[in-house]
Amino acid sequence: MTLELGGKSPCLVDQDINIEYTARRIIWGKFLNAGQTCVAPDYLLLQREIKEPLLKKMGEVLLKFYGANPRQSTDYARIISEGHFQRLEALLVDGRILYGGEAVREERYIAPTIMDRIAPDSPLLQEEIFGPLLPILEFGDLEEAIQFVNERPKPLALYFFSRNRKRQEQVLKRSSSGGVCINDTLSHISSPYLPFGGVGESGMGSYHGRASFELFSHKKSVLHQSLSFDIPLKYPPYRIPLQALKKLLRILQA
């Protein structure tokens, strides 16, 4: 059985990164299909020292990917339905818009938008966004960011950007999620060698590649017992102490 439920997939970024590549991969992963993918980065947790330079580079990447007016870009999608558009438009009032923010209801267009100064109780941090809005949060120590993630429902995907191997291991060991992608976004779901699925509130089971074959296959249990001998002690009436019987059963099950 498998059940994929999505959720809020965090993207953590520490200061030990390649800023250009990090900005490209976050912008690509977030705004592909206007953010309407189940594993899009839902919010960014940026280490304080890298926040300003990375946000500046992300703005440059947005311009390079979609031009000065993303509404005219043939590479930028529209929101799937009117109801979905209205829900996303209502979220634009929270925080401070750094990039984007434009919305055209007639076209169901919402520009790729990056938002800062988000309150902890903001709806942006309470429900899966599933759209082109990217809230920014900052942290000082990596453990602080991990704690923030762990205090919330387990995500379908978790992204971490860092060249530091010890910090990579720290995130992997101290967090729980359906899947993890280090120094990239979305790419983990494209590999036929990596099972894809959720955990806890983000789902159960997994599929893709061999995992799909195993998911939709039934593993039939078959036990072959010998007819060359039998052990009378396993049958009633029992005349041996309980502890001896338990020991016998353990031997039979080995």
C-alpha atoms as a PDB file:
ATOM      1  CA  MET A   1       0.000   0.000   0.000  1.00  0.00           C
ATOM      2  CA  THR A   2       1.198   3.513  -0.748  1.00  0.00           C
ATOM      3  CA  LEU A   3      -0.335   6.904  -0.064  1.00  0.00           C
ATOM      4  CA  GLU A   4       1.286  10.187  -1.083  1.00  0.00           C
ATOM      5  CA  LEU A   5      -0.013  13.231   0.794  1.00  0.00           C
ATOM      6  CA  GLY A   6       2.487  16.012   0.066  1.00  0.00           C
ATOM      7  CA  GLY A   7       2.933  18.727   2.678  1.00  0.00           C
ATOM      8  CA  LYS A   8       5.327  21.575   3.380  1.00  0.00           C
ATOM      9  CA  SER A   9       8.755  20.628   2.032  1.00  0.00           C
ATOM     10  CA  PRO A  10      11.467  22.815   3.619  1.00  0.00           C
ATOM     11  CA  CYS A  11      14.669  23.967   1.941  1.00  0.00           C
ATOM     12  CA  LEU A  12      17.571  24.661   4.301  1.00  0.00           C
ATOM     13  CA  VAL A  13      20.618  26.624   3.129  1.00  0.00           C
ATOM     14  CA  ASP A  14      23.778  27.228   5.119  1.00  0.00           C
ATOM     15  CA  GLN A  15      26.589  29.623   4.218  1.00  0.00           C
ATOM     16  CA  ASP A  16      28.949  27.007   2.736  1.00  0.00           C
ATOM     17  CA  ILE A  17      27.453  26.916  -0.775  1.00  0.00           C
ATOM     18  CA  ASN A  18      28.003  27.835  -4.390  1.00  0.00           C
ATOM     19  CA  ILE A  19      25.623  30.803  -4.534  1.00  0.00           C
ATOM     20  CA  GLU A  20      25.063  30.715  -8.307  1.00  0.00           C
ATOM     21  CA  TYR A  21      24.163  27.024  -8.465  1.00  0.00           C
ATOM     22  CA  THR A  22      22.105  27.178  -5.289  1.00  0.00           C
ATOM     23  CA  ALA A  23      20.032  30.108  -6.563  1.00  0.00           C
ATOM     24  CA  ARG A  24      19.414  28.395  -9.920  1.00  0.00           C
ATOM     25  CA  ARG A  25      18.342  25.110  -8.393  1.00  0.00           C
ATOM     26  CA  ILE A  26      16.009  26.672  -5.835  1.00  0.00           C
ATOM     27  CA  ILE A  27      14.330  28.958  -8.386  1.00  0.00           C
ATOM     28  CA  TRP A  28      13.964  26.089 -10.856  1.00  0.00           C
ATOM     29  CA  GLY A  29      12.525  23.693  -8.279  1.00  0.00           C
ATOM     30  CA  LYS A  30      10.141  26.206  -6.761  1.00  0.00           C
ATOM     31  CA  PHE A  31       8.699  27.818  -9.878  1.00  0.00           C
ATOM     32  CA  LEU A  32       8.531  24.821 -12.209  1.00  0.00           C
ATOM     33  CA  ASN A  33       4.838  24.611 -13.221  1.00  0.00           C
ATOM     34  CA  ALA A  34       4.299  27.781 -11.155  1.00  0.00           C
ATOM     35  CA  GLY A  35       5.059  25.880  -7.961  1.00  0.00           C
ATOM     36  CA  GLN A  36       2.282  23.358  -8.543  1.00  0.00           C
ATOM     37  CA  THR A  37       4.249  20.196  -7.814  1.00  0.00           C
ATOM     38  CA  CYS A  38       3.940  18.072  -4.675  1.00  0.00           C
ATOM     39  CA  VAL A  39       7.663  18.339  -3.885  1.00  0.00           C
ATOM     40  CA  ALA A  40       8.266  22.017  -4.648  1.00  0.00           C
ATOM     41  CA  PRO A  41      10.300  23.767  -1.913  1.00  0.00           C
ATOM     42  CA  ASP A  42       7.561  25.217   0.267  1.00  0.00           C
ATOM     43  CA  TYR A  43       9.673  27.620   2.315  1.00  0.00           C
ATOM     44  CA  LEU A  44      13.341  28.584   2.647  1.00  0.00           C
ATOM     45  CA  LEU A  45      15.336  28.502   5.868  1.00  0.00           C
ATOM     46  CA  LEU A  46      18.462  30.551   5.183  1.00  0.00           C
ATOM     47  CA  GLN A  47      21.472  30.918   7.443  1.00  0.00           C
ATOM     48  CA  ARG A  48      21.632  34.562   8.426  1.00  0.00           C
ATOM     49  CA  GLU A  49      25.080  35.198   6.898  1.00  0.00           C
ATOM     50  CA  ILE A  50      24.038  33.981   3.443  1.00  0.00           C
ATOM     51  CA  LYS A  51      20.547  35.472   3.315  1.00  0.00           C
ATOM     52  CA  GLU A  52      21.173  38.801   1.582  1.00  0.00           C
ATOM     53  CA  PRO A  53      23.680  37.654  -1.056  1.00  0.00           C
ATOM     54  CA  LEU A  54      21.585  34.586  -1.904  1.00  0.00           C
ATOM     55  CA  LEU A  55      18.356  36.571  -2.222  1.00  0.00           C
ATOM     56  CA  LYS A  56      20.099  39.029  -4.514  1.00  0.00           C
ATOM     57  CA  LYS A  57      21.351  36.179  -6.701  1.00  0.00           C
ATOM     58  CA  MET A  58      17.889  34.589  -6.735  1.00  0.00           C
ATOM     59  CA  GLY A  59      16.477  37.842  -8.069  1.00  0.00           C
ATOM     60  CA  GLU A  60      19.052  37.782 -10.868  1.00  0.00           C
ATOM     61  CA  VAL A  61      18.170  34.177 -11.674  1.00  0.00           C
ATOM     62  CA  LEU A  62      14.451  35.000 -11.820  1.00  0.00           C
ATOM     63  CA  LEU A  63      15.210  37.710 -14.357  1.00  0.00           C
ATOM     64  CA  LYS A  64      17.365  35.334 -16.395  1.00  0.00           C
ATOM     65  CA  PHE A  65      14.823  32.481 -16.345  1.00  0.00           C
ATOM     66  CA  TYR A  66      11.579  34.385 -16.939  1.00  0.00           C
ATOM     67  CA  GLY A  67      12.541  37.886 -18.067  1.00  0.00           C
ATOM     68  CA  ALA A  68      11.503  41.272 -16.704  1.00  0.00           C
ATOM     69  CA  ASN A  69       7.839  40.305 -17.159  1.00  0.00           C
ATOM     70  CA  PRO A  70       7.251  36.602 -16.420  1.00  0.00           C
ATOM     71  CA  ARG A  71       3.671  37.045 -17.621  1.00  0.00           C
ATOM     72  CA  GLN A  72       5.056  37.127 -21.169  1.00  0.00           C
ATOM     73  CA  SER A  73       7.369  34.154 -20.692  1.00  0.00           C
ATOM     74  CA  THR A  74       6.462  31.014 -22.615  1.00  0.00           C
ATOM     75  CA  ASP A  75       8.245  29.020 -19.908  1.00  0.00           C
ATOM     76  CA  TYR A  76       6.038  30.125 -17.022  1.00  0.00           C
ATOM     77  CA  ALA A  77       2.760  28.359 -16.215  1.00  0.00           C
ATOM     78  CA  ARG A  78      -0.638  29.528 -14.967  1.00  0.00           C
ATOM     79  CA  ILE A  79      -2.622  28.508 -11.887  1.00  0.00           C
ATOM     80  CA  ILE A  80      -4.746  25.434 -12.481  1.00  0.00           C
ATOM     81  CA  SER A  81      -8.161  26.750 -11.352  1.00  0.00           C
ATOM     82  CA  GLU A  82     -10.035  29.855 -10.216  1.00  0.00           C
ATOM     83  CA  GLY A  83     -10.461  28.528  -6.680  1.00  0.00           C
ATOM     84  CA  HIS A  84      -6.779  27.762  -6.423  1.00  0.00           C
ATOM     85  CA  PHE A  85      -5.948  31.240  -7.755  1.00  0.00           C
ATOM     86  CA  GLN A  86      -8.137  32.920  -5.128  1.00  0.00           C
ATOM     87  CA  ARG A  87      -6.517  30.934  -2.316  1.00  0.00           C
ATOM     88  CA  LEU A  88      -3.015  31.921  -3.470  1.00  0.00           C
ATOM     89  CA  GLU A  89      -3.938  35.554  -4.072  1.00  0.00           C
ATOM     90  CA  ALA A  90      -5.158  35.813  -0.467  1.00  0.00           C
ATOM     91  CA  LEU A  91      -1.711  34.680   0.746  1.00  0.00           C
ATOM     92  CA  LEU A  92       0.021  37.608  -0.969  1.00  0.00           C
ATOM     93  CA  VAL A  93      -0.950  39.985   1.849  1.00  0.00           C
ATOM     94  CA  ASP A  94       1.421  38.390   4.347  1.00  0.00           C
ATOM     95  CA  GLY A  95       4.996  39.560   4.869  1.00  0.00           C
ATOM     96  CA  ARG A  96       7.049  41.772   2.563  1.00  0.00           C
ATOM     97  CA  ILE A  97       7.285  40.990  -1.135  1.00  0.00           C
ATOM     98  CA  LEU A  98      10.880  41.047  -2.375  1.00  0.00           C
ATOM     99  CA  TYR A  99      10.219  39.893  -5.935  1.00  0.00           C
ATOM    100  CA  GLY A 100       7.016  39.390  -7.891  1.00  0.00           C
ATOM    101  CA  GLY A 101       3.619  39.743  -6.253  1.00  0.00           C
ATOM    102  CA  GLU A 102       1.631  40.543  -9.411  1.00  0.00           C
ATOM    103  CA  ALA A 103      -1.655  38.696  -9.942  1.00  0.00           C
ATOM    104  CA  VAL A 104      -4.012  38.787 -12.951  1.00  0.00           C
ATOM    105  CA  ARG A 105      -7.241  36.930 -12.246  1.00  0.00           C
ATOM    106  CA  GLU A 106      -8.434  36.808 -15.867  1.00  0.00           C
ATOM    107  CA  GLU A 107      -5.360  34.768 -16.794  1.00  0.00           C
ATOM    108  CA  ARG A 108      -4.994  32.985 -13.445  1.00  0.00           C
ATOM    109  CA  TYR A 109      -1.480  34.439 -13.447  1.00  0.00           C
ATOM    110  CA  ILE A 110       0.563  34.917 -10.283  1.00  0.00           C
ATOM    111  CA  ALA A 111       4.152  36.039 -10.760  1.00  0.00           C
ATOM    112  CA  PRO A 112       7.009  34.056  -9.217  1.00  0.00           C
ATOM    113  CA  THR A 113       7.066  35.656  -5.782  1.00  0.00           C
ATOM    114  CA  ILE A 114       9.627  35.671  -2.965  1.00  0.00           C
ATOM    115  CA  MET A 115       8.426  36.935   0.424  1.00  0.00           C
ATOM    116  CA  ASP A 116      10.236  37.942   3.606  1.00  0.00           C
ATOM    117  CA  ARG A 117       9.276  38.894   7.185  1.00  0.00           C
ATOM    118  CA  ILE A 118       6.741  36.125   7.570  1.00  0.00           C
ATOM    119  CA  ALA A 119       4.974  35.814  10.931  1.00  0.00           C
ATOM    120  CA  PRO A 120       5.121  32.366  12.578  1.00  0.00           C
ATOM    121  CA  ASP A 121       1.314  32.114  12.535  1.00  0.00           C
ATOM    122  CA  SER A 122       0.996  33.193   8.896  1.00  0.00           C
ATOM    123  CA  PRO A 123      -1.123  30.900   6.670  1.00  0.00           C
ATOM    124  CA  LEU A 124       1.975  30.715   4.459  1.00  0.00           C
ATOM    125  CA  LEU A 125       3.568  28.565   7.160  1.00  0.00           C
ATOM    126  CA  GLN A 126       0.476  26.564   8.087  1.00  0.00           C
ATOM    127  CA  GLU A 127      -0.641  24.913   4.848  1.00  0.00           C
ATOM    128  CA  GLU A 128       1.000  23.560   1.715  1.00  0.00           C
ATOM    129  CA  ILE A 129       1.298  26.508  -0.682  1.00  0.00           C
ATOM    130  CA  PHE A 130       1.265  24.556  -3.971  1.00  0.00           C
ATOM    131  CA  GLY A 131       1.898  27.722  -5.939  1.00  0.00           C
ATOM    132  CA  PRO A 132       4.549  30.304  -6.895  1.00  0.00           C
ATOM    133  CA  LEU A 133       4.950  31.914  -3.447  1.00  0.00           C
ATOM    134  CA  LEU A 134       8.219  31.343  -1.597  1.00  0.00           C
ATOM    135  CA  PRO A 135       8.403  32.495   2.052  1.00  0.00           C
ATOM    136  CA  ILE A 136      11.847  33.218   3.519  1.00  0.00           C
ATOM    137  CA  LEU A 137      12.886  32.499   7.110  1.00  0.00           C
ATOM    138  CA  GLU A 138      16.363  32.808   8.617  1.00  0.00           C
ATOM    139  CA  PHE A 139      18.326  30.923  11.245  1.00  0.00           C
ATOM    140  CA  GLY A 140      21.588  31.334  13.114  1.00  0.00           C
ATOM    141  CA  ASP A 141      22.608  27.790  14.029  1.00  0.00           C
ATOM    142  CA  LEU A 142      21.738  24.758  11.881  1.00  0.00           C
ATOM    143  CA  GLU A 143      20.264  22.932  14.865  1.00  0.00           C
ATOM    144  CA  GLU A 144      17.779  25.794  15.174  1.00  0.00           C
ATOM    145  CA  ALA A 145      16.610  25.186  11.598  1.00  0.00           C
ATOM    146  CA  ILE A 146      16.346  21.420  12.152  1.00  0.00           C
ATOM    147  CA  GLN A 147      14.264  21.992  15.272  1.00  0.00           C
ATOM    148  CA  PHE A 148      11.934  24.287  13.297  1.00  0.00           C
ATOM    149  CA  VAL A 149      11.381  21.507  10.741  1.00  0.00           C
ATOM    150  CA  ASN A 150      10.946  18.804  13.398  1.00  0.00           C
ATOM    151  CA  GLU A 151       8.269  20.790  15.218  1.00  0.00           C
ATOM    152  CA  ARG A 152       6.052  20.476  12.130  1.00  0.00           C
ATOM    153  CA  PRO A 153       4.479  17.540  10.279  1.00  0.00           C
ATOM    154  CA  LYS A 154       6.997  15.341   8.467  1.00  0.00           C
ATOM    155  CA  PRO A 155       7.502  16.640   4.917  1.00  0.00           C
ATOM    156  CA  LEU A 156       7.363  14.680   1.680  1.00  0.00           C
ATOM    157  CA  ALA A 157      10.751  16.144   0.669  1.00  0.00           C
ATOM    158  CA  LEU A 158      13.530  17.978   2.473  1.00  0.00           C
ATOM    159  CA  TYR A 159      16.241  19.976   0.692  1.00  0.00           C
ATOM    160  CA  PHE A 160      19.574  21.016   2.144  1.00  0.00           C
ATOM    161  CA  PHE A 161      22.262  23.082   0.447  1.00  0.00           C
ATOM    162  CA  SER A 162      25.748  22.855   1.931  1.00  0.00           C
ATOM    163  CA  ARG A 163      29.176  21.606   0.923  1.00  0.00           C
ATOM    164  CA  ASN A 164      29.897  20.641   4.530  1.00  0.00           C
ATOM    165  CA  ARG A 165      29.677  16.841   4.880  1.00  0.00           C
ATOM    166  CA  LYS A 166      29.246  16.928   8.661  1.00  0.00           C
ATOM    167  CA  ARG A 167      26.285  19.282   8.372  1.00  0.00           C
ATOM    168  CA  GLN A 168      24.780  17.110   5.653  1.00  0.00           C
ATOM    169  CA  GLU A 169      24.964  14.133   8.025  1.00  0.00           C
ATOM    170  CA  GLN A 170      23.553  16.257  10.818  1.00  0.00           C
ATOM    171  CA  VAL A 171      20.450  17.070   8.754  1.00  0.00           C
ATOM    172  CA  LEU A 172      20.035  13.475   7.596  1.00  0.00           C
ATOM    173  CA  LYS A 173      20.302  12.037  11.119  1.00  0.00           C
ATOM    174  CA  ARG A 174      18.314  14.701  12.946  1.00  0.00           C
ATOM    175  CA  SER A 175      15.308  15.013  10.618  1.00  0.00           C
ATOM    176  CA  SER A 176      12.654  12.756   9.131  1.00  0.00           C
ATOM    177  CA  SER A 177      11.069  13.143   5.692  1.00  0.00           C
ATOM    178  CA  GLY A 178       9.848  11.093   2.761  1.00  0.00           C
ATOM    179  CA  GLY A 179      12.977  11.887   0.759  1.00  0.00           C
ATOM    180  CA  VAL A 180      16.014  14.153   0.884  1.00  0.00           C
ATOM    181  CA  CYS A 181      17.876  16.005  -1.835  1.00  0.00           C
ATOM    182  CA  ILE A 182      21.284  17.472  -1.020  1.00  0.00           C
ATOM    183  CA  ASN A 183      22.381  20.509  -3.056  1.00  0.00           C
ATOM    184  CA  ASP A 184      19.481  20.275  -5.494  1.00  0.00           C
ATOM    185  CA  THR A 185      15.680  20.278  -5.615  1.00  0.00           C
ATOM    186  CA  LEU A 186      13.162  17.861  -7.189  1.00  0.00           C
ATOM    187  CA  SER A 187      15.854  15.730  -8.861  1.00  0.00           C
ATOM    188  CA  HIS A 188      15.556  12.863  -6.380  1.00  0.00           C
ATOM    189  CA  ILE A 189      12.117  11.926  -7.757  1.00  0.00           C
ATOM    190  CA  SER A 190      13.495  11.338 -11.276  1.00  0.00           C
ATOM    191  CA  SER A 191      15.825   8.472 -10.372  1.00  0.00           C
ATOM    192  CA  PRO A 192      14.446   4.958 -10.960  1.00  0.00           C
ATOM    193  CA  TYR A 193      16.857   3.712  -8.294  1.00  0.00           C
ATOM    194  CA  LEU A 194      15.412   5.837  -5.459  1.00  0.00           C
ATOM    195  CA  PRO A 195      12.046   4.904  -3.917  1.00  0.00           C
ATOM    196  CA  PHE A 196       9.703   7.893  -3.694  1.00  0.00           C
ATOM    197  CA  GLY A 197       7.056   8.318  -1.012  1.00  0.00           C
ATOM    198  CA  GLY A 198       6.077  10.001   2.213  1.00  0.00           C
ATOM    199  CA  VAL A 199       6.340   9.283   5.915  1.00  0.00           C
ATOM    200  CA  GLY A 200       3.967  10.170   8.731  1.00  0.00           C
ATOM    201  CA  GLU A 201       1.678  13.010   7.697  1.00  0.00           C
ATOM    202  CA  SER A 202       3.213  13.128   4.195  1.00  0.00           C
ATOM    203  CA  GLY A 203       2.177   9.579   3.328  1.00  0.00           C
ATOM    204  CA  MET A 204       3.253   5.947   3.498  1.00  0.00           C
ATOM    205  CA  GLY A 205       4.901   3.431   1.225  1.00  0.00           C
ATOM    206  CA  SER A 206       6.988   4.229  -1.841  1.00  0.00           C
ATOM    207  CA  TYR A 207       7.208   3.647  -5.562  1.00  0.00           C
ATOM    208  CA  HIS A 208       9.356   4.383  -8.668  1.00  0.00           C
ATOM    209  CA  GLY A 209      11.626   1.832 -10.352  1.00  0.00           C
ATOM    210  CA  ARG A 210      11.960  -1.491  -8.514  1.00  0.00           C
ATOM    211  CA  ALA A 211      10.013  -0.033  -5.584  1.00  0.00           C
ATOM    212  CA  SER A 212       6.951   0.204  -7.891  1.00  0.00           C
ATOM    213  CA  PHE A 213       7.349  -3.467  -8.872  1.00  0.00           C
ATOM    214  CA  GLU A 214       7.565  -4.485  -5.218  1.00  0.00           C
ATOM    215  CA  LEU A 215       4.651  -2.242  -4.268  1.00  0.00           C
ATOM    216  CA  PHE A 216       2.276  -3.836  -6.762  1.00  0.00           C
ATOM    217  CA  SER A 217       3.556  -7.377  -6.231  1.00  0.00           C
ATOM    218  CA  HIS A 218       2.390  -9.755  -3.511  1.00  0.00           C
ATOM    219  CA  LYS A 219       5.125 -11.553  -1.603  1.00  0.00           C
ATOM    220  CA  LYS A 220       3.606 -14.935  -0.827  1.00  0.00           C
ATOM    221  CA  SER A 221       5.067 -16.620   2.241  1.00  0.00           C
ATOM    222  CA  VAL A 222       5.757 -20.358   1.834  1.00  0.00           C
ATOM    223  CA  LEU A 223       7.187 -22.654   4.543  1.00  0.00           C
ATOM    224  CA  HIS A 224       8.380 -26.195   3.756  1.00  0.00           C
ATOM    225  CA  GLN A 225       8.426 -28.540   6.763  1.00  0.00           C
ATOM    226  CA  SER A 226      10.210 -31.894   6.818  1.00  0.00           C
ATOM    227  CA  LEU A 227       8.320 -35.167   7.124  1.00  0.00           C
ATOM    228  CA  SER A 228      11.455 -37.055   8.146  1.00  0.00           C
ATOM    229  CA  PHE A 229      10.953 -36.446  11.869  1.00  0.00           C
ATOM    230  CA  ASP A 230       8.556 -34.828  14.331  1.00  0.00           C
ATOM    231  CA  ILE A 231       8.838 -33.385  17.848  1.00  0.00           C
ATOM    232  CA  PRO A 232       6.080 -34.712  20.152  1.00  0.00           C
ATOM    233  CA  LEU A 233       6.800 -32.084  22.824  1.00  0.00           C
ATOM    234  CA  LYS A 234       5.125 -29.369  20.753  1.00  0.00           C
ATOM    235  CA  TYR A 235       1.750 -31.112  21.012  1.00  0.00           C
ATOM    236  CA  PRO A 236      -0.628 -31.278  24.007  1.00  0.00           C
ATOM    237  CA  PRO A 237      -1.039 -32.459  26.644  1.00  0.00           C
ATOM    238  CA  TYR A 238       1.940 -30.433  27.840  1.00  0.00           C
ATOM    239  CA  ARG A 239       3.972 -31.834  30.715  1.00  0.00           C
ATOM    240  CA  ILE A 240       7.018 -29.567  30.564  1.00  0.00           C
ATOM    241  CA  PRO A 241       7.645 -26.248  32.368  1.00  0.00           C
ATOM    242  CA  LEU A 242       6.500 -23.084  30.570  1.00  0.00           C
ATOM    243  CA  GLN A 243      10.046 -21.751  30.209  1.00  0.00           C
ATOM    244  CA  ALA A 244      11.181 -24.977  28.586  1.00  0.00           C
ATOM    245  CA  LEU A 245       8.216 -24.805  26.197  1.00  0.00           C
ATOM    246  CA  LYS A 246       9.094 -21.235  25.212  1.00  0.00           C
ATOM    247  CA  LYS A 247      12.682 -22.293  24.558  1.00  0.00           C
ATOM    248  CA  LEU A 248      11.455 -25.165  22.388  1.00  0.00           C
ATOM    249  CA  LEU A 249       9.223 -22.838  20.367  1.00  0.00           C
ATOM    250  CA  ARG A 250      12.147 -20.478  19.784  1.00  0.00           C
ATOM    251  CA  ILE A 251      14.181 -23.399  18.442  1.00  0.00           C
ATOM    252  CA  LEU A 252      11.349 -24.459  16.136  1.00  0.00           C
ATOM    253  CA  GLN A 253      10.979 -20.935  14.775  1.00  0.00           C
ATOM    254  CA  ALA A 254      14.709 -20.450  14.114  1.00  0.00           C
END
